[in-house]
Every structure is written in C-alpha cells, then in structure tokens.
Amino acid sequence: MKGLQLVIACLCVYSVQSLAPRLDGRVIGGEVVEIEQYPYQVSLQHNGAHICGATLISDRFVLTAAHCTDGTYESELSVRLGSSYHAQGGVVVRVSKTNQHEDYDSDNMYNDITVLELTESVQYSAGIQPVRLTSYDPSENSEVVISGWGRTSGGNPSQLNAAIINVVNKETCVDNYKDINDVNDDMFCAAAPLKDACQGDSGGPLVGNGQLVGVVSWGYGCAQPQYPGVYTSVANMRDFIYKYAQV
C-alpha cells in the first residue's frame, strides 16, 4: 500500500491542482504538431484552465479519464477544440453531463474513464474531427501515438506535442509494477526510450492505426525506463462508452 500511495501522489501532479494522477502535462520526447494532424485532440478545462487531455468521439461526446473529472461539477468543466494551443483559439464548449465510470477506484485506478456530454454539437472542420473507437487492444510492439499539452523535459508547452511509442508486453508491465499497483485486464502499457505521457496529458488519446485504443491513465514518473505509461483499454470499455455516448 505504501508503494501505491507513492505512485498516486506522483500521478496527482499530472493535472492541475489535485484533480488527476501522474499522466497529465506535456508529452516527454515529443515534437510540436498542429491540431489538423490530431483533430480529435481536446483540452479539458476546469474553470477555464487546462487540466487534462480528452478525445472527441462524436459531435457531442468527449472521452477522458475518470481521475480528471472525479470531484468536479459539470458547471466547472469545458473543452477547447480545434486549436493547437490549450489556452487560445479554436472553440470552447461547456460540459452538460459528466458520465464517470460508476466503479472508478482512485486507490488503484480501476475503470479510469469518463464520457463527457457537451451542451451543444460541434461543427466539424480540418481541426475538429472525431476518432473511431477500436474493438481490440493493440498488439505487442505495435506503434501508437500519444498527444497532448502535458509536461515535457523543457516545462509546460502551450502548443500541442505528440510522440510515437510502442505497446509493451503485458506480463513485463505487470511484473514491473507489481510492488506499486495492479495492471489489470482493463489496462495496457506503452512506452519508448525517453518518450512518455506526463503531467497534463492525463485523459488524452492513445491512437493506433487511426483508431482510439487507449486513454492516458497513470504511471510512475515520466519516461522512466522500467515504468511504462499505463492506459485504460478502450476495447474493454466499449460497452461503458456506448452506454452514454452516441458514437
């Protein structure tokens, strides 16, 4: 339990204040990109300030991590879409309903997923497009891409960053985290040397083959070789997502 408390404390620097665990800041080892390259990328905002990443999955629904919404009210939340910058440009739309997984467990990060319903439908453009949901977890060693405004080695970026990483062998990831936290069937891991999601990226997209495969969830530190990032499996959460979202 002591090890788990340490990882959760580390996770909590990911989002603004104490709203979220470790993965939420800028992409470590990434490069600056434009929103038109990742038009599904969304900034989740709390009282107008970026706290987490999120993903557009239809014209009125956005997917993020439960640890990003836990303890918040809908009236405090909005999303910025269609901008390469989390603090300017694009379109800002308020959240009308927070559908946080009813079995989310902040102690071990189980069921770390939330479906957000927006107050109005968004108009699609070159910088605003939904992403399809996968029906299966990505295979070991396959390439996936993370994106977000999370912390980098240089600090907190204002422009969107992205990096290509690889899915990690499940048994290896479970073993690496065995003294810290469970990596259960609803999670999988991905990493690459000196590349990772970090503070500010929580809740954001992990995409493979043009489909959303994961939601940035938790991990120990940022870009630590023995501790890959851990992602909520979209494939395993499809029933929950479809329960609340019209996709």
Protein backbone atom coordinates (compact mmCIF):
# COMPACT_ATOMS: atom_id res chain seq x y z
CA MET A 1 0.00 0.00 0.00
CA LYS A 2 2.86 2.40 0.68
CA GLY A 3 4.13 1.95 -2.85
CA LEU A 4 0.66 2.58 -4.24
CA GLN A 5 0.32 5.78 -2.23
CA LEU A 6 3.62 6.94 -3.70
CA VAL A 7 2.54 6.35 -7.27
CA ILE A 8 -0.82 8.04 -6.78
CA ALA A 9 0.90 11.03 -5.20
CA CYS A 10 3.18 11.18 -8.21
CA LEU A 11 0.20 10.87 -10.52
CA CYS A 12 -1.57 13.75 -8.88
CA VAL A 13 0.86 16.25 -10.32
CA TYR A 14 -0.36 15.36 -13.81
CA SER A 15 -3.43 17.54 -13.70
CA VAL A 16 -3.96 20.98 -12.33
CA GLN A 17 -4.18 21.17 -8.54
CA SER A 18 -5.27 17.78 -7.14
CA LEU A 19 -7.72 16.66 -9.79
CA ALA A 20 -5.72 13.96 -11.52
CA PRO A 21 -2.90 11.43 -11.38
CA ARG A 22 0.54 11.50 -12.85
CA LEU A 23 -0.08 11.46 -16.62
CA ASP A 24 -1.02 14.99 -17.41
CA GLY A 25 1.36 17.63 -18.52
CA ARG A 26 3.28 17.59 -21.80
CA VAL A 27 4.47 14.67 -23.92
CA ILE A 28 8.03 13.76 -22.98
CA GLY A 29 10.24 13.27 -26.04
CA GLY A 30 7.58 14.52 -28.44
CA GLU A 31 7.57 17.16 -31.14
CA VAL A 32 5.41 20.20 -31.75
CA VAL A 33 2.45 19.42 -34.01
CA GLU A 34 -0.62 21.16 -35.41
CA ILE A 35 -4.17 20.30 -34.39
CA GLU A 36 -5.02 19.42 -38.02
CA GLN A 37 -2.73 16.41 -37.61
CA TYR A 38 -4.61 15.30 -34.48
CA PRO A 39 -8.09 16.86 -34.89
CA TYR A 40 -9.61 14.55 -32.28
CA GLN A 41 -7.40 16.07 -29.55
CA VAL A 42 -9.30 18.09 -26.94
CA SER A 43 -8.24 20.16 -23.94
CA LEU A 44 -10.37 19.53 -20.86
CA GLN A 45 -10.59 22.72 -18.83
CA HIS A 46 -11.55 23.40 -15.21
CA ASN A 47 -12.82 26.94 -14.69
CA GLY A 48 -11.06 27.93 -17.91
CA ALA A 49 -7.67 26.33 -17.21
CA HIS A 50 -6.28 23.22 -18.91
CA ILE A 51 -6.24 20.22 -16.60
CA CYS A 52 -6.28 17.14 -18.84
CA GLY A 53 -6.38 15.86 -22.35
CA ALA A 54 -9.52 14.37 -23.89
CA THR A 55 -10.70 12.88 -27.18
CA LEU A 56 -13.58 13.81 -29.46
CA ILE A 57 -15.53 10.65 -30.32
CA SER A 58 -18.63 12.26 -31.90
CA ASP A 59 -20.07 15.71 -32.45
CA ARG A 60 -21.38 15.87 -28.89
CA PHE A 61 -19.31 13.43 -26.83
CA VAL A 62 -15.77 13.51 -25.50
CA LEU A 63 -13.80 10.79 -23.73
CA THR A 64 -11.36 11.40 -20.87
CA ALA A 65 -10.06 9.75 -17.68
CA ALA A 66 -12.20 9.45 -14.54
CA HIS A 67 -9.39 10.86 -12.41
CA CYS A 68 -9.71 14.07 -14.45
CA THR A 69 -13.38 14.53 -13.53
CA ASP A 70 -13.52 12.98 -10.07
CA GLY A 71 -14.73 15.55 -7.53
CA THR A 72 -15.70 18.16 -10.13
CA TYR A 73 -19.06 19.61 -11.19
CA GLU A 74 -20.28 19.88 -14.77
CA SER A 75 -20.61 23.64 -14.34
CA GLU A 76 -16.85 23.87 -13.79
CA LEU A 77 -15.87 21.98 -16.93
CA SER A 78 -15.49 22.92 -20.58
CA VAL A 79 -13.49 21.72 -23.56
CA ARG A 80 -11.41 23.56 -26.15
CA LEU A 81 -11.39 22.00 -29.61
CA GLY A 82 -9.80 22.87 -32.92
CA SER A 83 -6.74 24.68 -31.59
CA SER A 84 -3.07 23.72 -31.38
CA TYR A 85 -2.97 25.76 -28.15
CA HIS A 86 -4.78 24.86 -24.96
CA ALA A 87 -5.26 28.48 -23.87
CA GLN A 88 -6.37 30.20 -27.07
CA GLY A 89 -8.12 29.75 -30.39
CA GLY A 90 -10.50 27.08 -31.55
CA VAL A 91 -13.91 26.60 -29.99
CA VAL A 92 -14.80 26.36 -26.31
CA VAL A 93 -17.90 24.34 -25.39
CA ARG A 94 -19.24 23.70 -21.90
CA VAL A 95 -19.87 20.23 -20.48
CA SER A 96 -23.51 19.41 -19.77
CA LYS A 97 -23.09 15.98 -18.20
CA THR A 98 -20.21 14.01 -16.68
CA ASN A 99 -20.67 10.26 -17.05
CA GLN A 100 -17.86 8.98 -14.84
CA HIS A 101 -17.48 5.21 -14.56
CA GLU A 102 -19.53 4.15 -11.56
CA ASP A 103 -16.83 1.71 -10.46
CA TYR A 104 -13.88 4.08 -10.77
CA ASP A 105 -11.45 3.38 -7.93
CA SER A 106 -8.93 6.15 -7.24
CA ASP A 107 -6.86 3.88 -4.99
CA ASN A 108 -5.85 1.54 -7.79
CA MET A 109 -7.02 3.46 -10.88
CA TYR A 110 -9.52 0.80 -11.96
CA ASN A 111 -12.15 1.90 -14.53
CA ASP A 112 -10.39 5.19 -15.16
CA ILE A 113 -12.73 6.56 -17.81
CA THR A 114 -15.42 9.24 -18.22
CA VAL A 115 -17.76 10.12 -21.07
CA LEU A 116 -18.50 13.86 -21.26
CA GLU A 117 -21.62 15.16 -22.98
CA LEU A 118 -21.35 18.69 -24.37
CA THR A 119 -24.01 21.38 -24.18
CA GLU A 120 -24.09 21.62 -27.98
CA SER A 121 -22.90 19.73 -31.02
CA VAL A 122 -19.62 20.90 -32.52
CA GLN A 123 -19.14 21.70 -36.19
CA TYR A 124 -16.50 19.55 -37.85
CA SER A 125 -13.58 21.22 -39.59
CA ALA A 126 -9.96 20.48 -40.52
CA GLY A 127 -9.03 20.83 -36.85
CA ILE A 128 -12.13 19.21 -35.31
CA GLN A 129 -12.81 15.58 -36.22
CA PRO A 130 -13.83 12.55 -34.16
CA VAL A 131 -11.74 9.40 -34.00
CA ARG A 132 -13.09 5.86 -34.33
CA LEU A 133 -13.03 3.52 -31.35
CA THR A 134 -11.08 0.29 -31.59
CA SER A 135 -12.66 -3.09 -30.86
CA TYR A 136 -9.41 -4.77 -29.80
CA ASP A 137 -6.27 -3.91 -27.86
CA PRO A 138 -3.19 -3.11 -29.96
CA SER A 139 -0.67 -5.91 -30.36
CA GLU A 140 2.63 -6.04 -28.52
CA ASN A 141 5.34 -3.79 -30.03
CA SER A 142 2.85 -2.06 -32.34
CA GLU A 143 3.28 1.68 -32.85
CA VAL A 144 0.82 4.04 -31.17
CA VAL A 145 0.84 7.82 -30.86
CA ILE A 146 0.29 9.98 -27.78
CA SER A 147 -0.54 13.66 -27.97
CA GLY A 148 -1.24 16.44 -25.52
CA TRP A 149 -0.14 19.59 -23.75
CA GLY A 150 1.47 17.76 -20.85
CA ARG A 151 4.80 18.41 -19.25
CA THR A 152 7.99 17.92 -21.26
CA SER A 153 11.62 17.96 -20.26
CA GLY A 154 11.52 21.67 -21.10
CA GLY A 155 8.50 22.54 -18.95
CA ASN A 156 4.84 23.06 -19.79
CA PRO A 157 4.23 23.71 -23.50
CA SER A 158 1.50 25.93 -24.89
CA GLN A 159 1.40 24.12 -28.26
CA LEU A 160 0.32 20.55 -28.85
CA ASN A 161 3.03 17.86 -28.80
CA ALA A 162 2.97 14.25 -29.99
CA ALA A 163 5.23 11.20 -29.90
CA ILE A 164 5.26 7.68 -31.29
CA ILE A 165 5.68 4.91 -28.71
CA ASN A 166 5.21 1.11 -28.65
CA VAL A 167 2.89 -1.24 -26.82
CA VAL A 168 4.75 -3.10 -24.06
CA ASN A 169 4.48 -6.80 -23.27
CA LYS A 170 1.68 -7.15 -20.69
CA GLU A 171 3.48 -9.63 -18.44
CA THR A 172 6.56 -7.41 -18.34
CA CYS A 173 4.49 -4.37 -17.39
CA VAL A 174 2.60 -6.28 -14.69
CA ASP A 175 5.89 -7.50 -13.24
CA ASN A 176 7.48 -4.04 -13.29
CA TYR A 177 4.57 -2.55 -11.35
CA LYS A 178 3.94 -5.50 -9.01
CA ASP A 179 5.18 -3.62 -5.92
CA ILE A 180 3.33 -0.41 -6.82
CA ASN A 181 -0.09 -1.12 -8.31
CA ASP A 182 -2.07 -3.70 -10.26
CA VAL A 183 -2.11 -3.56 -14.04
CA ASN A 184 -5.41 -5.34 -14.65
CA ASP A 185 -7.23 -6.59 -17.74
CA ASP A 186 -8.71 -3.16 -18.43
CA MET A 187 -5.26 -1.63 -18.76
CA PHE A 188 -2.28 -1.98 -21.07
CA CYS A 189 1.14 -0.34 -21.24
CA ALA A 190 3.11 1.57 -23.84
CA ALA A 191 6.48 3.31 -23.87
CA ALA A 192 9.59 4.18 -25.85
CA PRO A 193 13.07 5.34 -24.77
CA LEU A 194 12.79 8.86 -23.37
CA LYS A 195 9.18 9.18 -24.57
CA ASP A 196 6.07 9.16 -22.41
CA ALA A 197 2.92 10.98 -21.42
CA CYS A 198 3.39 13.22 -18.39
CA GLN A 199 1.67 15.82 -16.20
CA GLY A 200 -1.11 17.43 -18.23
CA ASP A 201 -1.60 14.55 -20.69
CA SER A 202 -3.97 12.55 -18.44
CA GLY A 203 -7.22 11.59 -20.09
CA GLY A 204 -5.81 12.18 -23.55
CA PRO A 205 -5.76 9.89 -26.59
CA LEU A 206 -3.55 6.96 -27.48
CA VAL A 207 -4.17 6.14 -31.13
CA GLY A 208 -3.08 3.20 -33.26
CA ASN A 209 -3.95 2.54 -36.91
CA GLY A 210 -6.23 5.56 -36.92
CA GLN A 211 -8.34 4.29 -34.02
CA LEU A 212 -8.54 5.27 -30.36
CA VAL A 213 -7.01 2.38 -28.42
CA GLY A 214 -6.28 3.91 -25.02
CA VAL A 215 -6.86 6.74 -22.57
CA VAL A 216 -3.86 8.15 -20.69
CA SER A 217 -4.32 6.92 -17.13
CA TRP A 218 -1.35 6.52 -14.77
CA GLY A 219 2.26 5.54 -14.27
CA TYR A 220 5.29 6.07 -12.04
CA GLY A 221 7.27 9.14 -13.02
CA CYS A 222 7.65 10.25 -16.63
CA ALA A 223 9.73 8.34 -19.19
CA GLN A 224 11.22 6.04 -16.54
CA PRO A 225 12.68 3.05 -18.44
CA GLN A 226 11.31 0.42 -16.06
CA TYR A 227 7.87 2.05 -15.67
CA PRO A 228 5.93 2.43 -18.93
CA GLY A 229 2.81 4.53 -19.14
CA VAL A 230 -0.43 2.72 -18.30
CA TYR A 231 -3.54 3.27 -20.41
CA THR A 232 -7.21 2.45 -19.97
CA SER A 233 -8.23 -0.02 -22.68
CA VAL A 234 -10.86 1.47 -24.99
CA ALA A 235 -11.68 -2.00 -26.35
CA ASN A 236 -12.53 -3.27 -22.87
CA MET A 237 -14.56 -0.15 -22.10
CA ARG A 238 -16.67 -0.09 -25.27
CA ASP A 239 -19.86 -1.19 -23.50
CA PHE A 240 -19.49 1.61 -20.98
CA ILE A 241 -18.75 4.17 -23.68
CA TYR A 242 -21.73 3.16 -25.83
CA LYS A 243 -23.98 3.23 -22.80
CA TYR A 244 -23.52 7.00 -22.54
CA ALA A 245 -22.28 8.20 -25.93
CA GLN A 246 -23.93 8.29 -29.33
CA VAL A 247 -20.98 7.28 -31.49
